[in-house]
Protein backbone atom coordinates (compact mmCIF):
# COMPACT_ATOMS: atom_id res chain seq x y z
CA MET A 1 32.65 -31.40 -45.10
CA SER A 2 34.89 -31.11 -48.06
CA GLY A 3 38.55 -31.95 -48.35
CA ALA A 4 40.47 -32.95 -45.24
CA GLY A 5 37.95 -31.73 -42.68
CA VAL A 6 37.71 -28.21 -44.10
CA LEU A 7 34.27 -26.71 -44.53
CA THR A 8 33.77 -24.27 -47.39
CA TYR A 9 30.82 -21.88 -47.32
CA GLU A 10 30.27 -18.41 -48.74
CA PHE A 11 28.36 -16.18 -46.35
CA THR A 12 26.06 -13.44 -47.55
CA SER A 13 26.62 -9.95 -46.18
CA GLY A 14 23.52 -10.38 -44.05
CA GLU A 15 24.81 -13.64 -42.59
CA VAL A 16 28.19 -12.06 -41.83
CA LEU A 17 26.55 -9.17 -40.01
CA ALA A 18 24.16 -11.40 -38.06
CA LEU A 19 26.87 -13.85 -37.02
CA ALA A 20 29.36 -11.13 -36.10
CA LEU A 21 26.79 -9.43 -33.90
CA LEU A 22 25.73 -12.73 -32.33
CA LEU A 23 29.32 -13.69 -31.51
CA ARG A 24 30.14 -10.20 -30.20
CA ASN A 25 27.04 -10.17 -27.96
CA HIS A 26 27.82 -13.60 -26.51
CA GLU A 27 31.62 -13.63 -26.47
CA ASP A 28 31.68 -14.16 -22.70
CA VAL A 29 30.20 -17.66 -23.11
CA LEU A 30 31.83 -18.65 -26.41
CA ASP A 31 34.26 -21.50 -26.69
CA SER A 32 37.71 -20.07 -27.42
CA ARG A 33 37.86 -22.29 -30.50
CA LEU A 34 35.48 -19.79 -32.13
CA ASP A 35 37.88 -16.85 -31.67
CA SER A 36 39.27 -17.17 -35.21
CA LEU A 37 35.78 -17.24 -36.71
CA LYS A 38 34.83 -14.17 -34.68
CA CYS A 39 37.90 -12.31 -35.97
CA ILE A 40 37.21 -13.31 -39.57
CA LEU A 41 33.59 -12.14 -39.32
CA GLU A 42 34.55 -8.85 -37.69
CA ASP A 43 37.14 -8.23 -40.42
CA GLN A 44 34.40 -8.79 -43.00
CA VAL A 45 32.13 -6.32 -41.18
CA TYR A 46 34.85 -3.68 -41.50
CA GLN A 47 35.08 -4.42 -45.23
CA ILE A 48 31.31 -4.08 -45.65
CA MET A 49 30.98 -0.94 -43.50
CA THR A 50 33.03 2.08 -42.63
CA ILE A 51 34.68 2.03 -39.19
CA GLU A 52 32.06 4.48 -37.92
CA GLU A 53 29.19 2.36 -39.26
CA ALA A 54 30.67 -0.80 -37.74
CA GLU A 55 31.17 0.86 -34.34
CA ALA A 56 27.55 1.99 -34.36
CA PHE A 57 26.44 -1.47 -35.50
CA PHE A 58 28.21 -3.22 -32.64
CA LYS A 59 26.84 -0.83 -29.96
């Protein structure tokens, strides 16, 4: 960890997509402490893809 307990990491587009899909598919068993990460990843998906592409991706 760097700084005061803050982890810095730059995800590739592929990592963002894989993690977003993983978290979306398993959200019913996720710890609520991961909600912010899930939102950040989903926001990144919508920056990488159009809304239509993202909706198809998550289905």
